[in-house]
Amino acid sequence: MKFDYNDVLSPRLSKVEVNETITEREIVEKYKKGEYRIVTEQARYPLANIKSIFEKYNLTPDYQRRRVWDNKRKSKLIESFIINVPIPPVFLYEYAFSKHEVMDCLQRITAILEFFDNKFKLEGLDLWNELNGLYYRELPEEIRLSIERRYLSAIILLKESANSNKKEKMMKRFVFERLNTGGVELSPQEIRNAVFSSDFNEKLIKMAESTLFRKLWGELENESYSRMEDCELVLRFFAYKSACTHNITKSTMSILDLYAERAKEFKEKDISILEELFYKTLDLVYLIFGETAFKSEINSRKSEKMIYDAVMLSCAELIEEGNEQYMRELCSDNLIKCKFECIEKNRKIFNGKYTSIKNVKERIEIIKKEIRGQINEL
């Protein structure tokens, strides 16, 4: 069957649910089989050997989020080692016998490796403020040795925990999500990145980091980047494109979650079609709206999701309708002026509080009408 990106979120017939009564004996048997039982072992790694140990490990599994620790937080970890504060264990997964990847606490491991590589100076220390501004190599020898004597504990999930690739992926992402229910709360897109990891997800990150997308949206703050908000914006384009076609009434989060889940089924050629659509739309948007494309006012410095949705989706629909060549002939100055005027005239509709697909479609039609009007004058 030919891939149609507009049908990704089309309603599907749900399987008939059979209400079976499960006996207590069957529950006990399920437990005895160990179908969902994780096998672990523990390890302790001396910090002096941490570099040689972890250089063999996979530090970038597909469900890991972007690294978010700044130098101050890394320094606090090193100070904890100096005064021997107990450090929670890191979690590793044995994906092949004696081969491991980091499931959780990647920031902690990275901080230690970077410290020993003299990649950052200590800063923001409370009890050892005398060491602020020093690299590892600049510390007094006794302090360096005291750090090297400390240990990093690890819990290793063994390969025996799963008997198939499918169960392995499910188990890893399940554990990753459970481990991250405390501490720093994950953003919705970080969770999608972990739970719905796929080839499409990898391309999503690449599209979000493209030069033209960055130019149009503007530079992200460190927090927004680490929380993968840029990746969510690209996902919105594809998810809303399909949701508008089928008038999906779910919340934004549900729409994005559902699309990310179904994207796990995409083939390589399907993803290529989506990439082409995104880049072609992005290129056309930049051509006719310039760097003001996703802004609601001419002097605004900040792009807005509401405007991003309306502009990207209206241009994508007009491309589908065969208007691409005409759009490339439009006067950018006139169109930019018309866009801001129509947003001002329709302030009630261009209100960020209204986020349903019905509202999104209203905004798309307003932008499309302006572009069509300019095309008709050619």
Protein backbone atom coordinates (compact mmCIF):
# COMPACT_ATOMS: atom_id res chain seq x y z
CA MET A 1 0.00 0.00 0.00
CA LYS A 2 1.31 3.45 -0.96
CA PHE A 3 2.30 5.66 1.97
CA ASP A 4 0.02 8.67 2.45
CA TYR A 5 1.36 10.99 5.17
CA ASN A 6 -2.07 12.58 5.58
CA ASP A 7 -3.52 9.24 6.68
CA VAL A 8 -1.10 8.47 9.52
CA LEU A 9 -3.71 9.48 12.10
CA SER A 10 -6.72 8.11 10.24
CA PRO A 11 -9.11 6.32 12.62
CA ARG A 12 -8.40 2.61 12.71
CA LEU A 13 -10.76 -0.18 13.60
CA SER A 14 -9.93 -1.24 17.11
CA LYS A 15 -9.60 -4.89 17.91
CA VAL A 16 -12.57 -6.47 19.63
CA GLU A 17 -11.71 -6.73 23.27
CA VAL A 18 -12.45 -10.07 24.87
CA ASN A 19 -13.26 -9.88 28.54
CA GLU A 20 -11.54 -12.95 29.90
CA THR A 21 -11.55 -13.92 33.54
CA ILE A 22 -8.03 -14.80 34.66
CA THR A 23 -7.82 -17.20 37.55
CA GLU A 24 -5.45 -16.81 40.48
CA ARG A 25 -3.59 -19.95 39.34
CA GLU A 26 -2.98 -18.38 35.90
CA ILE A 27 -1.66 -15.21 37.54
CA VAL A 28 0.77 -17.27 39.65
CA GLU A 29 1.88 -19.23 36.57
CA LYS A 30 2.56 -15.99 34.70
CA TYR A 31 4.76 -14.85 37.58
CA LYS A 32 6.63 -18.17 37.73
CA LYS A 33 7.42 -18.02 34.02
CA GLY A 34 9.21 -14.73 34.69
CA GLU A 35 7.84 -13.19 31.50
CA TYR A 36 8.24 -9.67 32.90
CA ARG A 37 11.03 -10.06 35.42
CA ILE A 38 14.25 -8.09 35.17
CA VAL A 39 17.58 -9.81 35.90
CA THR A 40 20.22 -7.54 37.39
CA GLU A 41 23.67 -7.53 38.92
CA GLN A 42 25.62 -4.81 40.71
CA ALA A 43 29.08 -3.41 40.08
CA ARG A 44 31.43 -0.84 41.59
CA TYR A 45 33.83 1.09 39.37
CA PRO A 46 36.80 3.02 40.84
CA LEU A 47 36.81 6.54 39.43
CA ALA A 48 40.49 6.17 38.56
CA ASN A 49 39.50 3.55 35.95
CA ILE A 50 36.25 5.14 34.80
CA LYS A 51 37.62 6.41 31.49
CA SER A 52 39.04 3.07 30.34
CA ILE A 53 35.82 1.30 31.41
CA PHE A 54 33.28 3.58 29.81
CA GLU A 55 35.11 4.25 26.56
CA LYS A 56 33.92 0.75 25.53
CA TYR A 57 30.29 1.51 26.40
CA ASN A 58 27.52 2.91 24.21
CA LEU A 59 26.90 6.35 25.70
CA THR A 60 24.22 7.34 23.18
CA PRO A 61 21.43 4.71 23.03
CA ASP A 62 18.39 5.82 21.02
CA TYR A 63 16.19 6.45 24.07
CA GLN A 64 18.60 8.82 25.81
CA ARG A 65 17.69 12.49 26.02
CA ARG A 66 20.00 15.38 25.26
CA ARG A 67 22.60 16.17 27.88
CA VAL A 68 21.35 18.91 30.18
CA TRP A 69 23.93 19.45 32.94
CA ASP A 70 25.79 22.75 33.10
CA ASN A 71 29.30 23.09 34.60
CA LYS A 72 27.97 24.14 37.98
CA ARG A 73 25.93 20.98 38.35
CA LYS A 74 28.87 18.85 37.16
CA SER A 75 31.07 20.56 39.75
CA LYS A 76 28.60 19.76 42.53
CA LEU A 77 28.90 16.08 41.63
CA ILE A 78 32.70 16.26 41.90
CA GLU A 79 32.40 18.03 45.27
CA SER A 80 30.17 15.17 46.44
CA PHE A 81 32.97 12.72 45.61
CA ILE A 82 35.51 14.86 47.49
CA ILE A 83 33.48 14.79 50.71
CA ASN A 84 32.32 11.20 50.06
CA VAL A 85 28.59 11.86 49.82
CA PRO A 86 26.83 8.60 48.75
CA ILE A 87 26.05 8.80 45.03
CA PRO A 88 23.04 6.91 43.60
CA PRO A 89 23.96 4.13 41.16
CA VAL A 90 23.97 4.49 37.39
CA PHE A 91 21.91 2.06 35.30
CA LEU A 92 23.45 0.04 32.48
CA TYR A 93 22.00 -2.45 30.03
CA GLU A 94 23.86 -5.49 28.71
CA TYR A 95 22.74 -5.44 25.05
CA ALA A 96 25.18 -8.24 24.18
CA PHE A 97 27.23 -10.42 26.50
CA SER A 98 29.82 -8.17 28.21
CA LYS A 99 28.75 -5.19 26.05
CA HIS A 100 26.84 -2.41 27.76
CA GLU A 101 25.00 0.82 27.11
CA VAL A 102 24.01 3.55 29.55
CA MET A 103 20.30 3.42 30.33
CA ASP A 104 20.16 6.26 32.82
CA CYS A 105 22.44 8.77 34.57
CA LEU A 106 24.36 9.57 31.38
CA GLN A 107 24.88 13.15 32.61
CA ARG A 108 26.62 11.84 35.72
CA ILE A 109 28.98 9.62 33.74
CA THR A 110 29.67 12.36 31.19
CA ALA A 111 30.45 14.85 33.97
CA ILE A 112 33.05 12.50 35.48
CA LEU A 113 34.68 11.76 32.11
CA GLU A 114 34.81 15.46 31.17
CA PHE A 115 36.26 16.37 34.57
CA PHE A 116 39.13 13.89 34.22
CA ASP A 117 39.68 15.18 30.66
CA ASN A 118 40.03 18.75 32.02
CA LYS A 119 37.09 19.98 29.94
CA PHE A 120 35.60 22.25 32.61
CA LYS A 121 36.70 24.22 35.67
CA LEU A 122 35.03 23.66 39.00
CA GLU A 123 32.51 26.35 39.88
CA GLY A 124 29.75 27.02 42.41
CA LEU A 125 31.23 24.71 45.08
CA ASP A 126 29.83 25.26 48.57
CA LEU A 127 32.12 23.45 51.02
CA TRP A 128 35.23 23.54 48.85
CA ASN A 129 34.94 27.01 47.31
CA GLU A 130 38.76 27.23 47.41
CA LEU A 131 38.75 24.87 44.41
CA ASN A 132 36.48 27.02 42.25
CA GLY A 133 38.13 27.96 38.97
CA LEU A 134 40.45 24.93 38.90
CA TYR A 135 40.66 22.12 36.37
CA TYR A 136 41.26 18.54 37.53
CA ARG A 137 44.95 18.79 36.59
CA GLU A 138 45.31 21.92 38.77
CA LEU A 139 43.97 20.37 41.98
CA PRO A 140 46.37 19.52 44.81
CA GLU A 141 47.64 15.96 44.39
CA GLU A 142 45.98 14.71 47.59
CA ILE A 143 42.59 16.04 46.43
CA ARG A 144 43.03 14.37 43.02
CA LEU A 145 43.90 11.06 44.68
CA SER A 146 40.95 11.29 47.05
CA ILE A 147 38.60 11.66 44.08
CA GLU A 148 40.22 8.77 42.19
CA ARG A 149 39.74 6.50 45.24
CA ARG A 150 35.96 6.95 45.15
CA TYR A 151 33.64 4.46 43.46
CA LEU A 152 30.71 4.76 41.09
CA SER A 153 28.06 2.12 41.74
CA ALA A 154 26.11 0.57 38.87
CA ILE A 155 23.07 -1.63 38.46
CA ILE A 156 23.32 -3.70 35.30
CA LEU A 157 20.22 -5.08 33.62
CA LEU A 158 21.37 -8.34 32.09
CA LYS A 159 20.54 -9.59 28.62
CA GLU A 160 18.58 -12.47 30.16
CA SER A 161 15.87 -9.94 31.05
CA ALA A 162 14.43 -10.20 27.51
CA ASN A 163 14.26 -13.10 25.06
CA SER A 164 13.56 -11.13 21.86
CA ASN A 165 14.51 -7.80 20.28
CA LYS A 166 10.93 -6.57 20.62
CA LYS A 167 10.78 -7.38 24.35
CA GLU A 168 14.25 -5.94 24.83
CA LYS A 169 13.25 -2.56 23.39
CA MET A 170 9.98 -2.53 25.32
CA MET A 171 11.73 -3.41 28.58
CA LYS A 172 14.50 -0.82 28.18
CA ARG A 173 12.09 2.01 27.46
CA PHE A 174 9.75 0.89 30.22
CA VAL A 175 12.61 0.95 32.75
CA PHE A 176 13.92 4.26 31.41
CA GLU A 177 10.52 5.90 31.82
CA ARG A 178 10.08 4.50 35.35
CA LEU A 179 13.56 5.63 36.39
CA ASN A 180 12.72 9.15 35.24
CA THR A 181 9.42 9.56 37.07
CA GLY A 182 11.34 11.22 39.91
CA GLY A 183 14.00 13.92 39.96
CA VAL A 184 13.97 16.25 36.96
CA GLU A 185 10.65 15.69 35.24
CA LEU A 186 10.96 14.75 31.59
CA SER A 187 9.27 16.87 28.96
CA PRO A 188 6.59 15.20 26.78
CA GLN A 189 9.02 15.07 23.84
CA GLU A 190 11.80 13.52 25.93
CA ILE A 191 9.35 10.78 26.93
CA ARG A 192 8.31 10.26 23.30
CA ASN A 193 11.97 10.07 22.33
CA ALA A 194 12.41 7.25 24.83
CA VAL A 195 9.14 5.36 24.56
CA PHE A 196 8.50 5.70 20.80
CA SER A 197 12.07 5.53 19.58
CA SER A 198 12.26 4.86 15.82
CA ASP A 199 14.14 5.67 12.62
CA PHE A 200 11.66 8.51 12.13
CA ASN A 201 12.59 9.87 15.53
CA GLU A 202 16.24 10.05 14.51
CA LYS A 203 15.32 12.01 11.37
CA LEU A 204 13.10 14.26 13.49
CA ILE A 205 16.16 15.37 15.47
CA LYS A 206 18.10 15.95 12.25
CA MET A 207 15.30 18.09 10.78
CA ALA A 208 15.04 20.11 13.98
CA GLU A 209 18.75 20.86 13.84
CA SER A 210 18.72 21.94 10.18
CA THR A 211 20.20 25.37 9.50
CA LEU A 212 17.07 26.79 7.84
CA PHE A 213 14.74 25.64 10.62
CA ARG A 214 17.02 27.23 13.21
CA LYS A 215 17.13 30.43 11.16
CA LEU A 216 13.35 30.65 10.90
CA TRP A 217 12.43 29.65 14.44
CA GLY A 218 15.37 31.40 16.10
CA GLU A 219 17.95 30.08 18.51
CA LEU A 220 16.63 28.01 21.38
CA GLU A 221 17.57 28.61 24.99
CA ASN A 222 19.65 25.80 26.50
CA GLU A 223 16.71 24.54 28.54
CA SER A 224 14.41 24.39 25.50
CA TYR A 225 17.07 22.60 23.46
CA SER A 226 17.78 20.03 26.15
CA ARG A 227 14.06 19.40 26.55
CA MET A 228 13.79 18.70 22.80
CA GLU A 229 11.21 21.42 22.17
CA ASP A 230 12.60 21.90 18.66
CA CYS A 231 11.99 18.24 17.86
CA GLU A 232 8.43 18.57 19.12
CA LEU A 233 7.87 21.48 16.72
CA VAL A 234 8.84 19.35 13.74
CA LEU A 235 6.62 16.53 15.01
CA ARG A 236 3.74 19.04 15.30
CA PHE A 237 4.00 19.80 11.60
CA PHE A 238 3.52 16.17 10.57
CA ALA A 239 1.00 15.30 13.29
CA TYR A 240 -1.17 18.38 12.71
CA LYS A 241 -1.04 17.81 8.95
CA SER A 242 -2.71 14.44 9.39
CA ALA A 243 -4.94 15.55 12.29
CA CYS A 244 -6.37 18.41 10.20
CA THR A 245 -7.14 16.02 7.34
CA HIS A 246 -9.16 13.77 9.65
CA ASN A 247 -10.53 16.41 12.05
CA ILE A 248 -9.02 14.71 15.08
CA THR A 249 -10.55 16.02 18.30
CA LYS A 250 -7.88 14.85 20.74
CA SER A 251 -5.62 17.13 22.79
CA THR A 252 -2.31 18.31 21.32
CA MET A 253 -0.35 15.93 23.56
CA SER A 254 -2.51 12.97 22.57
CA ILE A 255 -2.16 13.80 18.87
CA LEU A 256 1.63 14.01 19.12
CA ASP A 257 1.85 10.83 21.20
CA LEU A 258 -0.32 8.91 18.74
CA TYR A 259 1.69 10.10 15.74
CA ALA A 260 4.99 9.20 17.43
CA GLU A 261 3.64 5.74 18.20
CA ARG A 262 2.46 5.10 14.64
CA ALA A 263 5.71 6.51 13.25
CA LYS A 264 7.46 3.41 14.60
CA GLU A 265 5.90 1.58 11.63
CA PHE A 266 7.35 3.95 9.00
CA LYS A 267 9.62 2.45 6.36
CA GLU A 268 12.74 4.20 5.13
CA LYS A 269 11.01 5.41 1.95
CA ASP A 270 8.09 6.76 4.02
CA ILE A 271 10.47 8.82 6.13
CA SER A 272 12.14 10.15 2.97
CA ILE A 273 8.75 11.39 1.73
CA LEU A 274 8.17 13.19 5.03
CA GLU A 275 11.65 14.73 4.96
CA GLU A 276 11.07 16.04 1.45
CA LEU A 277 7.72 17.55 2.47
CA PHE A 278 9.23 19.28 5.51
CA TYR A 279 12.27 20.73 3.74
CA LYS A 280 10.29 21.81 0.68
CA THR A 281 7.72 23.56 2.88
CA LEU A 282 10.43 25.16 5.00
CA ASP A 283 12.23 26.43 1.92
CA LEU A 284 9.05 27.95 0.48
CA VAL A 285 8.08 29.53 3.80
CA TYR A 286 11.48 31.21 4.03
CA LEU A 287 11.24 32.38 0.42
CA ILE A 288 7.88 34.14 0.82
CA PHE A 289 7.89 35.16 4.51
CA GLY A 290 11.57 35.46 5.36
CA GLU A 291 12.73 35.40 8.98
CA THR A 292 9.41 36.89 10.15
CA ALA A 293 7.57 33.72 9.09
CA PHE A 294 6.64 32.45 12.57
CA LYS A 295 6.14 35.82 14.27
CA SER A 296 2.80 37.51 14.92
CA GLU A 297 4.15 41.09 14.81
CA ILE A 298 6.76 42.75 12.61
CA ASN A 299 8.96 43.81 15.54
CA SER A 300 8.56 40.62 17.53
CA ARG A 301 11.75 38.72 18.32
CA LYS A 302 10.02 35.54 19.34
CA SER A 303 8.46 32.90 17.11
CA GLU A 304 5.10 31.46 18.16
CA LYS A 305 3.83 27.90 17.80
CA MET A 306 0.40 29.12 16.73
CA ILE A 307 1.87 31.10 13.80
CA TYR A 308 4.30 28.29 12.98
CA ASP A 309 1.42 25.83 12.64
CA ALA A 310 -0.67 28.14 10.47
CA VAL A 311 2.14 29.18 8.12
CA MET A 312 3.77 25.78 7.68
CA LEU A 313 0.52 23.89 7.20
CA SER A 314 -1.05 26.46 4.87
CA CYS A 315 2.03 26.37 2.63
CA ALA A 316 2.15 22.55 2.71
CA GLU A 317 -1.51 22.38 1.62
CA LEU A 318 -0.97 24.90 -1.17
CA ILE A 319 1.99 22.85 -2.40
CA GLU A 320 -0.27 19.79 -2.51
CA GLU A 321 -2.80 21.79 -4.52
CA GLY A 322 -0.16 22.50 -7.18
CA ASN A 323 0.63 26.13 -6.31
CA GLU A 324 4.35 25.80 -5.56
CA GLN A 325 5.60 27.51 -8.73
CA TYR A 326 3.13 30.39 -8.38
CA MET A 327 4.16 30.87 -4.73
CA ARG A 328 7.80 31.17 -5.77
CA GLU A 329 6.85 34.13 -7.96
CA LEU A 330 5.13 36.09 -5.19
CA CYS A 331 6.44 39.37 -3.81
CA SER A 332 7.77 38.61 -0.34
CA ASP A 333 7.32 42.18 0.97
CA ASN A 334 3.62 42.26 0.05
CA LEU A 335 2.97 38.85 1.57
CA ILE A 336 4.74 39.65 4.83
CA LYS A 337 2.68 42.82 5.17
CA CYS A 338 -0.57 40.96 4.38
CA LYS A 339 0.25 38.22 6.89
CA PHE A 340 0.69 40.66 9.78
CA GLU A 341 -2.45 42.60 8.78
CA CYS A 342 -4.63 39.49 8.66
CA ILE A 343 -3.30 38.30 12.04
CA GLU A 344 -4.14 41.71 13.53
CA LYS A 345 -7.64 41.66 11.99
CA ASN A 346 -8.30 38.17 13.33
CA ARG A 347 -6.85 38.53 16.81
CA LYS A 348 -9.63 36.47 18.34
CA ILE A 349 -8.84 33.51 16.08
CA PHE A 350 -5.08 33.93 16.45
CA ASN A 351 -5.29 33.38 20.17
CA GLY A 352 -2.90 30.86 21.66
CA LYS A 353 -5.55 29.68 24.11
CA TYR A 354 -7.50 28.05 21.29
CA THR A 355 -5.52 24.95 20.39
CA SER A 356 -8.05 22.47 19.02
CA ILE A 357 -7.64 21.17 15.48
CA LYS A 358 -10.75 23.14 14.54
CA ASN A 359 -8.97 26.35 15.62
CA VAL A 360 -5.77 25.35 13.85
CA LYS A 361 -7.72 24.80 10.61
CA GLU A 362 -9.36 28.23 10.93
CA ARG A 363 -5.93 29.87 11.15
CA ILE A 364 -4.62 27.83 8.22
CA GLU A 365 -7.52 28.96 6.03
CA ILE A 366 -6.89 32.63 6.85
CA ILE A 367 -3.22 32.38 5.82
CA LYS A 368 -4.11 30.35 2.73
CA LYS A 369 -6.66 32.96 1.67
CA GLU A 370 -3.99 35.69 1.82
CA ILE A 371 -1.54 33.65 -0.24
CA ARG A 372 -4.20 32.70 -2.79
CA GLY A 373 -5.17 36.36 -3.11
CA GLN A 374 -1.57 37.21 -4.00
CA ILE A 375 -1.41 34.32 -6.50
CA ASN A 376 -4.58 35.54 -8.22
CA GLU A 377 -2.96 38.92 -8.80
CA LEU A 378 -0.02 37.45 -10.72
